[in-house]
Amino acid sequence: MKRNEHSIPDASVLTSWRKSTYSGGSSGSCLEVNDTALPTRIPVRDSKNPAGPAITFSAPAWTAFIATLARRA
């Protein structure tokens, strides 16, 4: 798996992707997260392009992102 610190060129090499339970039906506008694949990074990909790239977040950055979303919900 070729990747740099902030992205994975082909996200399909990882398994165990999941969508939020808040994702809406069949619109296809969803992000998928894989919070079990890498020990220190959280990959996120576009569900419409599973073989495309994934960006990765550090665990603290991902936690802060989710906390911000929860405050806005």
PDB file of N, CA and C in Angstrom:
ATOM      1  N   MET A   1       0.838  -1.167   0.000  1.00  0.00           N
ATOM      2  CA  MET A   1       0.000   0.000   0.000  1.00  0.00           C
ATOM      3  C   MET A   1       0.884   1.231   0.000  1.00  0.00           C
ATOM      4  N   LYS A   2       0.836   1.969  -1.082  1.00  0.00           N
ATOM      5  CA  LYS A   2       1.600   3.206  -1.164  1.00  0.00           C
ATOM      6  C   LYS A   2       0.743   4.347  -0.617  1.00  0.00           C
ATOM      7  N   ARG A   3       1.278   5.083   0.343  1.00  0.00           N
ATOM      8  CA  ARG A   3       0.557   6.217   0.890  1.00  0.00           C
ATOM      9  C   ARG A   3       1.550   7.206   1.466  1.00  0.00           C
ATOM     10  N   ASN A   4       1.137   8.455   1.582  1.00  0.00           N
ATOM     11  CA  ASN A   4       1.966   9.403   2.299  1.00  0.00           C
ATOM     12  C   ASN A   4       1.306   9.686   3.639  1.00  0.00           C
ATOM     13  N   GLU A   5       1.777  10.664   4.341  1.00  0.00           N
ATOM     14  CA  GLU A   5       1.278  10.907   5.690  1.00  0.00           C
ATOM     15  C   GLU A   5      -0.186  11.337   5.724  1.00  0.00           C
ATOM     16  N   HIS A   6      -0.692  11.948   4.659  1.00  0.00           N
ATOM     17  CA  HIS A   6      -2.030  12.520   4.707  1.00  0.00           C
ATOM     18  C   HIS A   6      -3.027  11.925   3.724  1.00  0.00           C
ATOM     19  N   SER A   7      -2.621  10.960   2.936  1.00  0.00           N
ATOM     20  CA  SER A   7      -3.573  10.371   2.000  1.00  0.00           C
ATOM     21  C   SER A   7      -3.190   8.939   1.655  1.00  0.00           C
ATOM     22  N   ILE A   8      -4.179   8.226   1.140  1.00  0.00           N
ATOM     23  CA  ILE A   8      -4.004   6.871   0.629  1.00  0.00           C
ATOM     24  C   ILE A   8      -4.547   6.911  -0.794  1.00  0.00           C
ATOM     25  N   PRO A   9      -3.702   6.712  -1.798  1.00  0.00           N
ATOM     26  CA  PRO A   9      -4.150   6.853  -3.197  1.00  0.00           C
ATOM     27  C   PRO A   9      -5.310   5.934  -3.591  1.00  0.00           C
ATOM     28  N   ASP A  10      -5.320   4.685  -3.118  1.00  0.00           N
ATOM     29  CA  ASP A  10      -6.385   3.738  -3.449  1.00  0.00           C
ATOM     30  C   ASP A  10      -6.988   3.232  -2.139  1.00  0.00           C
ATOM     31  N   ALA A  11      -8.090   3.845  -1.741  1.00  0.00           N
ATOM     32  CA  ALA A  11      -8.714   3.513  -0.462  1.00  0.00           C
ATOM     33  C   ALA A  11      -9.307   2.116  -0.419  1.00  0.00           C
ATOM     34  N   SER A  12      -9.483   1.484  -1.580  1.00  0.00           N
ATOM     35  CA  SER A  12     -10.077   0.147  -1.591  1.00  0.00           C
ATOM     36  C   SER A  12      -9.140  -0.916  -1.011  1.00  0.00           C
ATOM     37  N   VAL A  13      -7.875  -0.576  -0.776  1.00  0.00           N
ATOM     38  CA  VAL A  13      -6.956  -1.546  -0.187  1.00  0.00           C
ATOM     39  C   VAL A  13      -7.260  -1.780   1.289  1.00  0.00           C
ATOM     40  N   LEU A  14      -8.041  -0.906   1.895  1.00  0.00           N
ATOM     41  CA  LEU A  14      -8.422  -1.068   3.293  1.00  0.00           C
ATOM     42  C   LEU A  14      -9.809  -1.691   3.385  1.00  0.00           C
ATOM     43  N   THR A  15     -10.038  -2.465   4.415  1.00  0.00           N
ATOM     44  CA  THR A  15     -11.357  -3.053   4.645  1.00  0.00           C
ATOM     45  C   THR A  15     -12.010  -2.372   5.845  1.00  0.00           C
ATOM     46  N   SER A  16     -13.226  -2.713   6.115  1.00  0.00           N
ATOM     47  CA  SER A  16     -13.981  -2.242   7.291  1.00  0.00           C
ATOM     48  C   SER A  16     -14.385  -0.775   7.224  1.00  0.00           C
ATOM     49  N   TRP A  17     -14.744  -0.303   6.047  1.00  0.00           N
ATOM     50  CA  TRP A  17     -15.259   1.053   5.913  1.00  0.00           C
ATOM     51  C   TRP A  17     -16.689   1.081   6.435  1.00  0.00           C
ATOM     52  N   ARG A  18     -17.102   2.218   7.000  1.00  0.00           N
ATOM     53  CA  ARG A  18     -18.484   2.348   7.453  1.00  0.00           C
ATOM     54  C   ARG A  18     -18.993   3.762   7.211  1.00  0.00           C
ATOM     55  N   LYS A  19     -20.304   3.830   6.988  1.00  0.00           N
ATOM     56  CA  LYS A  19     -20.980   5.115   6.820  1.00  0.00           C
ATOM     57  C   LYS A  19     -21.661   5.466   8.135  1.00  0.00           C
ATOM     58  N   SER A  20     -21.877   6.735   8.327  1.00  0.00           N
ATOM     59  CA  SER A  20     -22.622   7.200   9.486  1.00  0.00           C
ATOM     60  C   SER A  20     -24.055   6.692   9.420  1.00  0.00           C
ATOM     61  N   THR A  21     -24.635   6.446  10.572  1.00  0.00           N
ATOM     62  CA  THR A  21     -26.045   6.068  10.603  1.00  0.00           C
ATOM     63  C   THR A  21     -26.926   7.247  10.198  1.00  0.00           C
ATOM     64  N   TYR A  22     -26.360   8.446  10.151  1.00  0.00           N
ATOM     65  CA  TYR A  22     -27.092   9.629   9.721  1.00  0.00           C
ATOM     66  C   TYR A  22     -27.054   9.814   8.203  1.00  0.00           C
ATOM     67  N   SER A  23     -26.316   8.987   7.481  1.00  0.00           N
ATOM     68  CA  SER A  23     -26.247   9.111   6.025  1.00  0.00           C
ATOM     69  C   SER A  23     -27.629   8.881   5.442  1.00  0.00           C
ATOM     70  N   GLY A  24     -27.978   9.709   4.506  1.00  0.00           N
ATOM     71  CA  GLY A  24     -29.309   9.622   3.926  1.00  0.00           C
ATOM     72  C   GLY A  24     -29.384   8.672   2.760  1.00  0.00           C
ATOM     73  N   GLY A  25     -30.231   7.709   2.834  1.00  0.00           N
ATOM     74  CA  GLY A  25     -30.640   6.792   1.791  1.00  0.00           C
ATOM     75  C   GLY A  25     -29.753   6.613   0.580  1.00  0.00           C
ATOM     76  N   SER A  26     -30.309   6.906  -0.599  1.00  0.00           N
ATOM     77  CA  SER A  26     -29.648   6.572  -1.851  1.00  0.00           C
ATOM     78  C   SER A  26     -28.991   7.755  -2.548  1.00  0.00           C
ATOM     79  N   SER A  27     -28.840   8.887  -1.868  1.00  0.00           N
ATOM     80  CA  SER A  27     -28.277  10.053  -2.542  1.00  0.00           C
ATOM     81  C   SER A  27     -26.818   9.851  -2.928  1.00  0.00           C
ATOM     82  N   GLY A  28     -26.102   8.999  -2.212  1.00  0.00           N
ATOM     83  CA  GLY A  28     -24.714   8.738  -2.533  1.00  0.00           C
ATOM     84  C   GLY A  28     -23.753   9.787  -2.028  1.00  0.00           C
ATOM     85  N   SER A  29     -24.258  10.802  -1.375  1.00  0.00           N
ATOM     86  CA  SER A  29     -23.399  11.875  -0.865  1.00  0.00           C
ATOM     87  C   SER A  29     -22.953  11.560   0.559  1.00  0.00           C
ATOM     88  N   CYS A  30     -22.093  10.589   0.681  1.00  0.00           N
ATOM     89  CA  CYS A  30     -21.683  10.141   2.005  1.00  0.00           C
ATOM     90  C   CYS A  30     -20.166  10.031   2.100  1.00  0.00           C
ATOM     91  N   LEU A  31     -19.696  10.232   3.285  1.00  0.00           N
ATOM     92  CA  LEU A  31     -18.307   9.918   3.588  1.00  0.00           C
ATOM     93  C   LEU A  31     -18.289   8.601   4.323  1.00  0.00           C
ATOM     94  N   GLU A  32     -17.216   7.863   4.141  1.00  0.00           N
ATOM     95  CA  GLU A  32     -17.019   6.632   4.890  1.00  0.00           C
ATOM     96  C   GLU A  32     -15.752   6.786   5.707  1.00  0.00           C
ATOM     97  N   VAL A  33     -15.757   6.218   6.880  1.00  0.00           N
ATOM     98  CA  VAL A  33     -14.618   6.298   7.780  1.00  0.00           C
ATOM     99  C   VAL A  33     -14.138   4.885   8.096  1.00  0.00           C
ATOM    100  N   ASN A  34     -12.860   4.777   8.341  1.00  0.00           N
ATOM    101  CA  ASN A  34     -12.277   3.495   8.712  1.00  0.00           C
ATOM    102  C   ASN A  34     -11.440   3.738   9.964  1.00  0.00           C
ATOM    103  N   ASP A  35     -12.064   3.570  11.110  1.00  0.00           N
ATOM    104  CA  ASP A  35     -11.369   3.889  12.356  1.00  0.00           C
ATOM    105  C   ASP A  35     -10.676   2.684  12.994  1.00  0.00           C
ATOM    106  N   THR A  36     -10.438   1.635  12.192  1.00  0.00           N
ATOM    107  CA  THR A  36      -9.731   0.463  12.711  1.00  0.00           C
ATOM    108  C   THR A  36      -8.500   0.075  11.891  1.00  0.00           C
ATOM    109  N   ALA A  37      -8.313   0.685  10.727  1.00  0.00           N
ATOM    110  CA  ALA A  37      -7.281   0.229   9.788  1.00  0.00           C
ATOM    111  C   ALA A  37      -5.861   0.621  10.176  1.00  0.00           C
ATOM    112  N   LEU A  38      -5.676   1.823  10.666  1.00  0.00           N
ATOM    113  CA  LEU A  38      -4.335   2.336  10.936  1.00  0.00           C
ATOM    114  C   LEU A  38      -4.233   2.726  12.406  1.00  0.00           C
ATOM    115  N   PRO A  39      -3.101   2.505  13.028  1.00  0.00           N
ATOM    116  CA  PRO A  39      -2.991   2.769  14.466  1.00  0.00           C
ATOM    117  C   PRO A  39      -3.019   4.247  14.866  1.00  0.00           C
ATOM    118  N   THR A  40      -2.539   5.143  14.014  1.00  0.00           N
ATOM    119  CA  THR A  40      -2.457   6.554  14.414  1.00  0.00           C
ATOM    120  C   THR A  40      -3.172   7.506  13.468  1.00  0.00           C
ATOM    121  N   ARG A  41      -3.780   7.005  12.413  1.00  0.00           N
ATOM    122  CA  ARG A  41      -4.460   7.855  11.436  1.00  0.00           C
ATOM    123  C   ARG A  41      -5.874   7.317  11.195  1.00  0.00           C
ATOM    124  N   ILE A  42      -6.796   8.215  10.856  1.00  0.00           N
ATOM    125  CA  ILE A  42      -8.178   7.850  10.548  1.00  0.00           C
ATOM    126  C   ILE A  42      -8.430   8.176   9.077  1.00  0.00           C
ATOM    127  N   PRO A  43      -8.541   7.151   8.213  1.00  0.00           N
ATOM    128  CA  PRO A  43      -8.834   7.404   6.803  1.00  0.00           C
ATOM    129  C   PRO A  43     -10.324   7.727   6.585  1.00  0.00           C
ATOM    130  N   VAL A  44     -10.577   8.651   5.652  1.00  0.00           N
ATOM    131  CA  VAL A  44     -11.933   9.037   5.278  1.00  0.00           C
ATOM    132  C   VAL A  44     -11.975   9.081   3.749  1.00  0.00           C
ATOM    133  N   ARG A  45     -13.043   8.508   3.164  1.00  0.00           N
ATOM    134  CA  ARG A  45     -13.152   8.497   1.700  1.00  0.00           C
ATOM    135  C   ARG A  45     -14.565   8.868   1.264  1.00  0.00           C
ATOM    136  N   ASP A  46     -14.698   9.185  -0.003  1.00  0.00           N
ATOM    137  CA  ASP A  46     -15.984   9.474  -0.632  1.00  0.00           C
ATOM    138  C   ASP A  46     -16.639   8.142  -0.990  1.00  0.00           C
ATOM    139  N   SER A  47     -17.843   7.915  -0.512  1.00  0.00           N
ATOM    140  CA  SER A  47     -18.505   6.627  -0.758  1.00  0.00           C
ATOM    141  C   SER A  47     -18.793   6.386  -2.236  1.00  0.00           C
ATOM    142  N   LYS A  48     -18.878   7.451  -3.039  1.00  0.00           N
ATOM    143  CA  LYS A  48     -19.131   7.287  -4.473  1.00  0.00           C
ATOM    144  C   LYS A  48     -17.891   6.831  -5.233  1.00  0.00           C
ATOM    145  N   ASN A  49     -16.731   6.911  -4.591  1.00  0.00           N
ATOM    146  CA  ASN A  49     -15.474   6.558  -5.253  1.00  0.00           C
ATOM    147  C   ASN A  49     -14.618   5.704  -4.317  1.00  0.00           C
ATOM    148  N   PRO A  50     -15.037   4.468  -4.047  1.00  0.00           N
ATOM    149  CA  PRO A  50     -14.335   3.643  -3.065  1.00  0.00           C
ATOM    150  C   PRO A  50     -12.902   3.275  -3.442  1.00  0.00           C
ATOM    151  N   ALA A  51     -12.566   3.303  -4.720  1.00  0.00           N
ATOM    152  CA  ALA A  51     -11.191   3.007  -5.121  1.00  0.00           C
ATOM    153  C   ALA A  51     -10.356   4.274  -5.277  1.00  0.00           C
ATOM    154  N   GLY A  52     -10.973   5.394  -5.017  1.00  0.00           N
ATOM    155  CA  GLY A  52     -10.256   6.666  -5.107  1.00  0.00           C
ATOM    156  C   GLY A  52      -9.440   6.910  -3.850  1.00  0.00           C
ATOM    157  N   PRO A  53      -8.934   8.105  -3.711  1.00  0.00           N
ATOM    158  CA  PRO A  53      -8.084   8.407  -2.567  1.00  0.00           C
ATOM    159  C   PRO A  53      -8.880   8.579  -1.274  1.00  0.00           C
ATOM    160  N   ALA A  54      -8.194   8.385  -0.179  1.00  0.00           N
ATOM    161  CA  ALA A  54      -8.733   8.693   1.146  1.00  0.00           C
ATOM    162  C   ALA A  54      -7.788   9.700   1.785  1.00  0.00           C
ATOM    163  N   ILE A  55      -8.351  10.636   2.505  1.00  0.00           N
ATOM    164  CA  ILE A  55      -7.496  11.516   3.288  1.00  0.00           C
ATOM    165  C   ILE A  55      -7.441  10.946   4.700  1.00  0.00           C
ATOM    166  N   THR A  56      -6.370  11.234   5.395  1.00  0.00           N
ATOM    167  CA  THR A  56      -6.246  10.717   6.752  1.00  0.00           C
ATOM    168  C   THR A  56      -6.108  11.865   7.741  1.00  0.00           C
ATOM    169  N   PHE A  57      -6.668  11.645   8.891  1.00  0.00           N
ATOM    170  CA  PHE A  57      -6.606  12.595   9.986  1.00  0.00           C
ATOM    171  C   PHE A  57      -5.862  11.949  11.145  1.00  0.00           C
ATOM    172  N   SER A  58      -5.166  12.748  11.931  1.00  0.00           N
ATOM    173  CA  SER A  58      -4.625  12.217  13.184  1.00  0.00           C
ATOM    174  C   SER A  58      -5.823  11.938  14.086  1.00  0.00           C
ATOM    175  N   ALA A  59      -5.654  11.062  15.043  1.00  0.00           N
ATOM    176  CA  ALA A  59      -6.757  10.745  15.954  1.00  0.00           C
ATOM    177  C   ALA A  59      -7.267  11.996  16.678  1.00  0.00           C
ATOM    178  N   PRO A  60      -6.393  12.872  17.218  1.00  0.00           N
ATOM    179  CA  PRO A  60      -6.902  14.085  17.870  1.00  0.00           C
ATOM    180  C   PRO A  60      -7.656  15.012  16.910  1.00  0.00           C
ATOM    181  N   ALA A  61      -7.194  15.130  15.673  1.00  0.00           N
ATOM    182  CA  ALA A  61      -7.878  15.987  14.693  1.00  0.00           C
ATOM    183  C   ALA A  61      -9.257  15.422  14.366  1.00  0.00           C
ATOM    184  N   TRP A  62      -9.362  14.109  14.220  1.00  0.00           N
ATOM    185  CA  TRP A  62     -10.643  13.477  13.923  1.00  0.00           C
ATOM    186  C   TRP A  62     -11.609  13.672  15.096  1.00  0.00           C
ATOM    187  N   THR A  63     -11.131  13.500  16.308  1.00  0.00           N
ATOM    188  CA  THR A  63     -11.967  13.689  17.491  1.00  0.00           C
ATOM    189  C   THR A  63     -12.481  15.126  17.561  1.00  0.00           C
ATOM    190  N   ALA A  64     -11.622  16.095  17.283  1.00  0.00           N
ATOM    191  CA  ALA A  64     -12.032  17.501  17.288  1.00  0.00           C
ATOM    192  C   ALA A  64     -13.060  17.770  16.191  1.00  0.00           C
ATOM    193  N   PHE A  65     -12.881  17.188  15.024  1.00  0.00           N
ATOM    194  CA  PHE A  65     -13.820  17.348  13.915  1.00  0.00           C
ATOM    195  C   PHE A  65     -15.199  16.820  14.295  1.00  0.00           C
ATOM    196  N   ILE A  66     -15.252  15.606  14.847  1.00  0.00           N
ATOM    197  CA  ILE A  66     -16.514  15.002  15.241  1.00  0.00           C
ATOM    198  C   ILE A  66     -17.186  15.809  16.351  1.00  0.00           C
ATOM    199  N   ALA A  67     -16.404  16.296  17.301  1.00  0.00           N
ATOM    200  CA  ALA A  67     -16.950  17.106  18.393  1.00  0.00           C
ATOM    201  C   ALA A  67     -17.569  18.396  17.846  1.00  0.00           C
ATOM    202  N   THR A  68     -16.933  19.006  16.868  1.00  0.00           N
ATOM    203  CA  THR A  68     -17.467  20.222  16.254  1.00  0.00           C
ATOM    204  C   THR A  68     -18.792  19.920  15.549  1.00  0.00           C
ATOM    205  N   LEU A  69     -18.865  18.816  14.833  1.00  0.00           N
ATOM    206  CA  LEU A  69     -20.107  18.443  14.168  1.00  0.00           C
ATOM    207  C   LEU A  69     -21.214  18.182  15.169  1.00  0.00           C
ATOM    208  N   ALA A  70     -20.891  17.530  16.263  1.00  0.00           N
ATOM    209  CA  ALA A  70     -21.901  17.219  17.275  1.00  0.00           C
ATOM    210  C   ALA A  70     -22.457  18.494  17.905  1.00  0.00           C
ATOM    211  N   ARG A  71     -21.619  19.490  18.096  1.00  0.00           N
ATOM    212  CA  ARG A  71     -22.083  20.756  18.672  1.00  0.00           C
ATOM    213  C   ARG A  71     -23.025  21.486  17.713  1.00  0.00           C
ATOM    214  N   ARG A  72     -22.865  21.283  16.422  1.00  0.00           N
ATOM    215  CA  ARG A  72     -23.689  21.976  15.420  1.00  0.00           C
ATOM    216  C   ARG A  72     -24.972  21.225  15.113  1.00  0.00           C
ATOM    217  N   ALA A  73     -25.072  20.007  15.558  1.00  0.00           N
ATOM    218  CA  ALA A  73     -26.264  19.187  15.232  1.00  0.00           C
ATOM    219  C   ALA A  73     -27.456  19.563  16.077  1.00  0.00           C
TER     220      ALA A  73
END
